[in-house]
Structures are given as structure tokens and as C-alpha cells.
């Protein structure tokens, strides 16, 4: 093994935090930690070289607890990255009452121990209301975290769905949002998009969707420290990007989110009415990928 290879040597561990198993993958550049029992929530994404923790939590210390089906998302641990499927906002769809932020963020996901032994974390869940099976695999490649998704429709008819990645990010002074000009042009002149650390006044919050993105990329870069988080995905797979910022306007919290998504609405009922969501044929599957690159 040469020096370059050894610098990215993978380390794996499983520990317990607040009674829940937390699976961790790390190398010299990045560390990621996941709580499978709690919606496969990514509870930490850290730059191993600078120590910067990118994922937000309500307090200084990580606190984990279980939610029940139907709970409001605001009553969750509110830390890190959750998966929203098959809706973000609660809605009625095809005779189903779909809950806040979807069906998987508060479900217990299973771990594929065989894949874990080979250096990756594959977790899966069966949705309790909608006829879907959902799977996500996390791999580290140098300073890149690769997330591969697979959604299977186990039903006898075509099914529509909304998916959004929901990473709550911790901002610091001098953080700036970087996006391609083609993406920024779709932001309707929102001032806070140009300076996410200062532009929204205290006590306010704001969200917008960018649709359709032609380049699947967005970054947070600190102009002082050089710390950087790059997010990349295929616009052919997911054509939307949600941007969310709260400066105390949502339950008093301060955080930011970059949300790749397959539709530009929070409710599946609305997205489906405009044909801006995913569709999977009976007994068929869809797959997509997203990656984080931690720098500099």
C-alpha cells in the first residue's frame, strides 16, 4: 500500500449512543455516522482533517430518541440528515394519509451485515403505508461520500413518489453558497441565497425550490477557513433543488439545508398534479445517486 492509499484507509465501528446503535465509516478525510434504528438518520458528517462538523443539531451534544409513526417532524431529534419519502408535507394521496416528512424518517431500517463486512453501509426499510421498499448504500471514496438509492414498487399499479434529501447544515460566519449560474438564475432574486450566513434576519425563515436544474451541484464554502462541502447529483435523476434557511423563524432554530429532490413541491398530491415527481411501474424499481465531497 502506498502513502496515498494508506491516507484513505477505511475504519469502521459500531457504538451505542442514547441506547441506539451508530455505525461509523471514516478515513483520513471524512467521517460519517448513521443511526439505522432512527430512519437511517445520518447524525454526523465531519471533515476529519479540520474537525468541522457539517450537520446541525439543536444543542452542543447529540441527543437521540425514537419517534412514532405520525409524529410531527418538529418533535424529532432534529439532527443531521433524514430521507423524505414519498412526500415532505403531509397530504392525502390515492386514499392514503401520508405523514409529515414521509414514512421513513422515523422507521427502523435494517442493516445488511454482509455489505457492512465489505466496507459499506447498506440500510433498507419497507414503507408502512405506501407499497415501496427503500434502500440506501453509503460508501467512502477518498474525501467523497457516495449515497446510492434504490426504490422498489411492490404494488400492482404504477406509483408516484416525492423524494428529497433533508440535510440540516450548521452554518458559520463567512460561509457562502456556491451554485452554477444556471441554478442561481432560477432563484427569483432571493437575496438570502447570495449570503446564507447573514441575509435572512433573525426571527425569519425562507424556502424555495429551483426547477429544473441543468447542473446537479451546489456547495458551501467558507471564505476564511477554506472548509468546503460539495453536493453533486444527476439532474436527469433529480431535477429539483430545495433551499431552506431558518434564522429562528422555525421553532427558534438556526440552520440551512440543500435538498436535492425529484419534484418542486413539498406535498406529493401537489407535485403529482403537476406531473413533477417520480413514477415507478408495478413491480419495478428506480435508482439514483448523490455524493458529498468534504474539503478543502
Protein backbone atom coordinates (compact mmCIF):
# COMPACT_ATOMS: atom_id res chain seq x y z
CA UNK A 1 0.00 0.00 0.00
CA UNK A 2 1.46 3.38 -0.99
CA UNK A 3 1.17 6.60 1.03
CA UNK A 4 -1.77 7.90 -0.99
CA UNK A 5 -3.73 4.69 -0.49
CA UNK A 6 -2.95 4.46 3.23
CA UNK A 7 -4.16 8.03 3.80
CA UNK A 8 -7.66 6.88 2.81
CA UNK A 9 -7.62 3.59 4.71
CA UNK A 10 -11.16 2.82 5.87
CA UNK A 11 -12.10 2.47 9.53
CA UNK A 12 -15.46 1.03 10.65
CA UNK A 13 -17.08 0.95 14.06
CA UNK A 14 -20.41 0.41 15.77
CA UNK A 15 -21.15 2.13 19.07
CA UNK A 16 -24.21 2.87 21.17
CA UNK A 17 -25.48 6.38 21.78
CA UNK A 18 -28.55 7.02 23.91
CA UNK A 19 -29.37 3.32 23.54
CA UNK A 20 -29.17 3.25 19.73
CA UNK A 21 -26.52 1.67 17.51
CA UNK A 22 -24.50 4.19 15.49
CA UNK A 23 -22.50 2.89 12.51
CA UNK A 24 -19.44 4.91 11.54
CA UNK A 25 -17.29 4.93 8.40
CA UNK A 26 -14.16 7.07 8.37
CA UNK A 27 -10.81 7.66 6.74
CA UNK A 28 -8.19 10.41 6.90
CA UNK A 29 -10.51 12.91 5.17
CA UNK A 30 -14.09 12.29 6.25
CA UNK A 31 -16.20 10.61 8.92
CA UNK A 32 -19.88 9.74 8.61
CA UNK A 33 -22.12 8.25 11.30
CA UNK A 34 -25.60 6.72 10.87
CA UNK A 35 -28.33 5.57 13.30
CA UNK A 36 -30.21 2.83 11.37
CA UNK A 37 -32.91 2.40 14.02
CA UNK A 38 -33.88 6.06 13.64
CA UNK A 39 -34.71 6.28 9.96
CA UNK A 40 -31.08 5.60 9.00
CA UNK A 41 -30.51 9.20 10.04
CA UNK A 42 -27.01 10.48 9.25
CA UNK A 43 -26.12 12.02 12.60
CA UNK A 44 -22.64 13.26 11.71
CA UNK A 45 -20.67 14.28 8.61
CA UNK A 46 -17.27 15.56 9.65
CA UNK A 47 -14.17 16.84 7.94
CA UNK A 48 -11.58 14.60 9.60
CA UNK A 49 -8.73 16.99 8.74
CA UNK A 50 -10.19 20.23 10.11
CA UNK A 51 -12.69 18.79 12.58
CA UNK A 52 -15.61 20.75 11.14
CA UNK A 53 -18.97 19.08 11.78
CA UNK A 54 -21.24 19.92 8.85
CA UNK A 55 -24.51 18.58 10.22
CA UNK A 56 -26.57 20.68 12.59
CA UNK A 57 -28.05 19.58 15.91
CA UNK A 58 -30.28 21.56 18.30
CA UNK A 59 -27.68 21.66 21.09
CA UNK A 60 -23.99 21.09 21.56
CA UNK A 61 -24.41 17.39 22.32
CA UNK A 62 -26.02 14.73 20.14
CA UNK A 63 -29.31 13.54 21.62
CA UNK A 64 -31.16 10.64 20.01
CA UNK A 65 -34.65 9.32 20.70
CA UNK A 66 -37.33 7.38 18.88
CA UNK A 67 -40.43 8.83 17.24
CA UNK A 68 -43.70 7.09 16.50
CA UNK A 69 -45.41 6.91 13.12
CA UNK A 70 -47.42 10.07 12.57
CA UNK A 71 -45.29 12.29 14.81
CA UNK A 72 -44.66 15.82 13.66
CA UNK A 73 -41.11 16.18 12.38
CA UNK A 74 -40.52 19.18 14.64
CA UNK A 75 -40.75 16.78 17.60
CA UNK A 76 -37.89 14.62 16.28
CA UNK A 77 -34.20 14.76 17.33
CA UNK A 78 -33.82 17.34 14.51
CA UNK A 79 -30.21 16.45 13.94
CA UNK A 80 -28.38 15.62 10.76
CA UNK A 81 -29.74 14.19 7.53
CA UNK A 82 -33.09 12.43 7.02
CA UNK A 83 -34.71 10.91 3.95
CA UNK A 84 -38.14 12.27 2.96
CA UNK A 85 -40.30 9.75 1.05
CA UNK A 86 -42.91 9.61 -0.54
CA UNK A 87 -43.82 13.17 0.49
CA UNK A 88 -42.37 16.03 2.52
CA UNK A 89 -45.51 17.81 3.66
CA UNK A 90 -48.41 15.71 4.99
CA UNK A 91 -51.10 15.13 2.37
CA UNK A 92 -53.84 12.80 1.15
CA UNK A 93 -52.90 10.74 -1.87
CA UNK A 94 -54.69 7.80 -3.52
CA UNK A 95 -56.74 7.24 -0.38
CA UNK A 96 -53.64 7.28 1.84
CA UNK A 97 -52.92 9.77 4.60
CA UNK A 98 -49.20 10.47 4.20
CA UNK A 99 -47.46 11.86 7.29
CA UNK A 100 -45.21 14.85 7.85
CA UNK A 101 -41.83 14.40 6.14
CA UNK A 102 -42.90 10.99 4.85
CA UNK A 103 -42.83 7.42 6.08
CA UNK A 104 -39.16 6.54 6.55
CA UNK A 105 -37.54 9.19 8.78
CA UNK A 106 -38.95 7.62 11.95
CA UNK A 107 -38.87 3.96 10.85
CA UNK A 108 -36.31 1.39 11.97
CA UNK A 109 -34.14 0.44 8.99
CA UNK A 110 -32.35 -2.90 8.64
CA UNK A 111 -28.58 -3.19 8.16
CA UNK A 112 -27.11 -5.54 5.57
CA UNK A 113 -24.33 -7.04 7.68
CA UNK A 114 -22.76 -8.80 4.70
CA UNK A 115 -22.28 -5.48 2.89
CA UNK A 116 -21.01 -3.90 6.13
CA UNK A 117 -18.27 -6.54 6.34
CA UNK A 118 -17.13 -5.41 2.89
CA UNK A 119 -16.76 -1.77 3.91
CA UNK A 120 -20.09 -0.14 3.02
CA UNK A 121 -23.29 0.60 4.92
CA UNK A 122 -26.49 -0.60 3.24
CA UNK A 123 -29.73 0.05 5.09
CA UNK A 124 -33.30 -0.63 3.98
CA UNK A 125 -36.89 -0.06 5.06
CA UNK A 126 -40.37 -1.16 3.98
CA UNK A 127 -42.80 1.74 3.93
CA UNK A 128 -45.82 1.05 6.16
CA UNK A 129 -48.42 2.97 4.10
CA UNK A 130 -47.16 3.17 0.51
CA UNK A 131 -46.16 -0.01 -1.38
CA UNK A 132 -42.43 0.77 -1.52
CA UNK A 133 -39.21 -0.83 -0.33
CA UNK A 134 -36.38 1.68 0.06
CA UNK A 135 -32.63 1.07 0.18
CA UNK A 136 -29.58 3.30 0.61
CA UNK A 137 -25.90 2.35 0.41
CA UNK A 138 -23.13 4.60 1.75
CA UNK A 139 -19.53 4.24 0.60
CA UNK A 140 -16.39 6.33 1.16
CA UNK A 141 -14.03 7.05 -1.72
CA UNK A 142 -11.26 9.37 -0.54
CA UNK A 143 -12.92 12.59 0.58
CA UNK A 144 -16.17 11.65 -1.18
CA UNK A 145 -19.25 10.12 0.45
CA UNK A 146 -21.34 8.25 -2.12
CA UNK A 147 -25.01 7.54 -1.45
CA UNK A 148 -26.73 5.09 -3.80
CA UNK A 149 -30.52 4.72 -3.61
CA UNK A 150 -32.97 2.10 -4.83
CA UNK A 151 -36.76 2.32 -4.54
CA UNK A 152 -38.89 -0.70 -5.42
CA UNK A 153 -42.63 -0.57 -6.10
CA UNK A 154 -44.06 -3.80 -4.71
CA UNK A 155 -47.59 -2.81 -5.76
CA UNK A 156 -49.74 -3.93 -8.68
CA UNK A 157 -50.03 -0.47 -10.25
CA UNK A 158 -47.80 2.47 -11.12
CA UNK A 159 -46.92 4.58 -8.08
CA UNK A 160 -45.94 8.24 -7.81
CA UNK A 161 -43.48 9.49 -5.21
CA UNK A 162 -41.59 12.53 -3.97
CA UNK A 163 -38.09 12.08 -2.61
CA UNK A 164 -35.94 14.75 -1.01
CA UNK A 165 -32.67 14.53 0.86
CA UNK A 166 -33.06 16.55 4.06
CA UNK A 167 -29.64 17.54 5.47
CA UNK A 168 -29.74 20.19 8.18
CA UNK A 169 -26.42 22.02 7.94
CA UNK A 170 -24.59 24.03 10.56
CA UNK A 171 -23.51 27.44 9.24
CA UNK A 172 -20.57 29.54 10.34
CA UNK A 173 -19.66 33.15 9.67
CA UNK A 174 -18.24 33.64 6.16
CA UNK A 175 -19.99 30.56 4.75
CA UNK A 176 -21.16 31.15 1.19
CA UNK A 177 -23.48 29.19 -1.07
CA UNK A 178 -21.98 28.37 -4.45
CA UNK A 179 -24.19 27.26 -7.35
CA UNK A 180 -23.90 27.23 -11.15
CA UNK A 181 -25.19 30.43 -12.79
CA UNK A 182 -27.97 28.44 -14.44
CA UNK A 183 -29.23 27.36 -11.00
CA UNK A 184 -28.86 30.78 -9.40
CA UNK A 185 -30.86 32.32 -12.25
CA UNK A 186 -33.87 30.27 -11.11
CA UNK A 187 -33.81 31.61 -7.53
CA UNK A 188 -36.14 34.55 -8.26
CA UNK A 189 -33.66 37.12 -6.96
CA UNK A 190 -33.90 35.93 -3.33
CA UNK A 191 -31.20 37.93 -1.52
CA UNK A 192 -30.51 35.31 1.14
CA UNK A 193 -29.26 32.90 -1.50
CA UNK A 194 -26.21 35.12 -2.01
CA UNK A 195 -25.14 35.18 1.64
CA UNK A 196 -26.72 32.35 3.59
CA UNK A 197 -24.92 33.23 6.82
CA UNK A 198 -26.39 36.74 7.12
CA UNK A 199 -29.14 37.55 4.62
CA UNK A 200 -32.26 36.29 6.41
CA UNK A 201 -32.93 38.41 9.53
CA UNK A 202 -33.27 36.82 12.93
CA UNK A 203 -36.74 35.53 13.57
CA UNK A 204 -37.35 34.66 9.92
CA UNK A 205 -37.13 31.61 7.69
CA UNK A 206 -37.35 31.03 3.95
CA UNK A 207 -37.62 28.14 1.50
CA UNK A 208 -37.60 27.94 -2.27
CA UNK A 209 -37.35 25.25 -4.94
CA UNK A 210 -35.16 25.53 -8.00
CA UNK A 211 -36.65 23.73 -11.04
CA UNK A 212 -35.47 22.40 -13.41
CA UNK A 213 -31.77 22.26 -12.60
CA UNK A 214 -29.48 21.55 -15.55
CA UNK A 215 -26.38 21.04 -13.37
CA UNK A 216 -26.64 18.91 -10.25
CA UNK A 217 -24.20 20.66 -7.97
CA UNK A 218 -24.12 23.08 -5.04
CA UNK A 219 -21.53 23.88 -2.38
CA UNK A 220 -20.99 25.63 0.92
CA UNK A 221 -17.55 27.26 1.10
CA UNK A 222 -16.08 29.23 3.97
CA UNK A 223 -14.17 32.20 2.61
CA UNK A 224 -11.97 32.41 5.73
CA UNK A 225 -11.13 28.82 6.68
CA UNK A 226 -11.44 27.26 3.23
CA UNK A 227 -13.70 24.50 4.60
CA UNK A 228 -15.95 23.27 1.84
CA UNK A 229 -18.85 20.85 1.33
CA UNK A 230 -19.74 19.94 -2.26
CA UNK A 231 -23.02 18.24 -3.12
CA UNK A 232 -23.45 16.52 -6.51
CA UNK A 233 -26.23 14.57 -8.20
CA UNK A 234 -27.56 13.84 -11.68
CA UNK A 235 -30.24 16.30 -12.86
CA UNK A 236 -31.52 13.52 -15.13
CA UNK A 237 -32.42 11.61 -11.94
CA UNK A 238 -33.49 14.53 -9.71
CA UNK A 239 -34.41 17.83 -11.36
CA UNK A 240 -35.07 19.95 -8.28
CA UNK A 241 -33.09 21.57 -5.50
CA UNK A 242 -34.75 22.79 -2.33
CA UNK A 243 -33.10 25.62 -0.38
CA UNK A 244 -34.14 26.18 3.24
CA UNK A 245 -32.83 28.67 5.79
CA UNK A 246 -34.14 29.43 9.25
CA UNK A 247 -32.80 32.20 11.46
CA UNK A 248 -35.03 31.43 14.42
CA UNK A 249 -38.21 31.57 12.35
CA UNK A 250 -38.88 27.82 12.62
CA UNK A 251 -39.17 26.75 16.28
CA UNK A 252 -36.33 29.10 17.17
CA UNK A 253 -33.72 27.10 15.24
CA UNK A 254 -30.83 28.32 13.07
CA UNK A 255 -29.76 26.04 10.23
CA UNK A 256 -29.59 25.65 6.45
CA UNK A 257 -30.48 22.81 4.07
CA UNK A 258 -29.57 21.91 0.50
CA UNK A 259 -32.18 19.38 -0.63
CA UNK A 260 -31.80 17.52 -3.94
CA UNK A 261 -35.27 16.31 -4.86
CA UNK A 262 -37.29 14.85 -7.70
CA UNK A 263 -40.03 17.48 -7.51
CA UNK A 264 -40.51 21.16 -6.71
CA UNK A 265 -43.30 20.87 -4.15
CA UNK A 266 -43.49 19.67 -0.56
CA UNK A 267 -46.71 17.66 -0.97
CA UNK A 268 -46.91 14.60 -3.23
CA UNK A 269 -50.50 15.49 -4.10
CA UNK A 270 -49.39 18.86 -5.49
CA UNK A 271 -46.32 17.50 -7.29
CA UNK A 272 -48.27 14.68 -8.90
CA UNK A 273 -50.99 17.07 -10.07
CA UNK A 274 -48.29 18.99 -11.99
CA UNK A 275 -46.50 15.81 -13.08
CA UNK A 276 -43.35 16.90 -11.24
CA UNK A 277 -42.46 13.83 -9.21
CA UNK A 278 -41.22 10.28 -9.72
CA UNK A 279 -43.22 7.38 -11.12
CA UNK A 280 -42.42 3.67 -10.92
CA UNK A 281 -44.28 0.93 -12.80
CA UNK A 282 -45.77 -2.03 -10.94
CA UNK A 283 -43.11 -4.37 -9.55
CA UNK A 284 -40.33 -2.16 -10.91
CA UNK A 285 -37.56 -0.08 -9.36
CA UNK A 286 -35.83 3.29 -9.67
CA UNK A 287 -32.26 4.13 -8.69
CA UNK A 288 -30.30 7.35 -8.19
CA UNK A 289 -27.12 8.67 -6.60
CA UNK A 290 -25.96 11.66 -4.59
CA UNK A 291 -22.47 12.44 -3.29
CA UNK A 292 -20.87 14.73 -0.73
CA UNK A 293 -17.27 15.82 -1.10
CA UNK A 294 -15.61 17.23 2.01
CA UNK A 295 -12.72 19.65 1.53
CA UNK A 296 -10.59 21.51 1.05
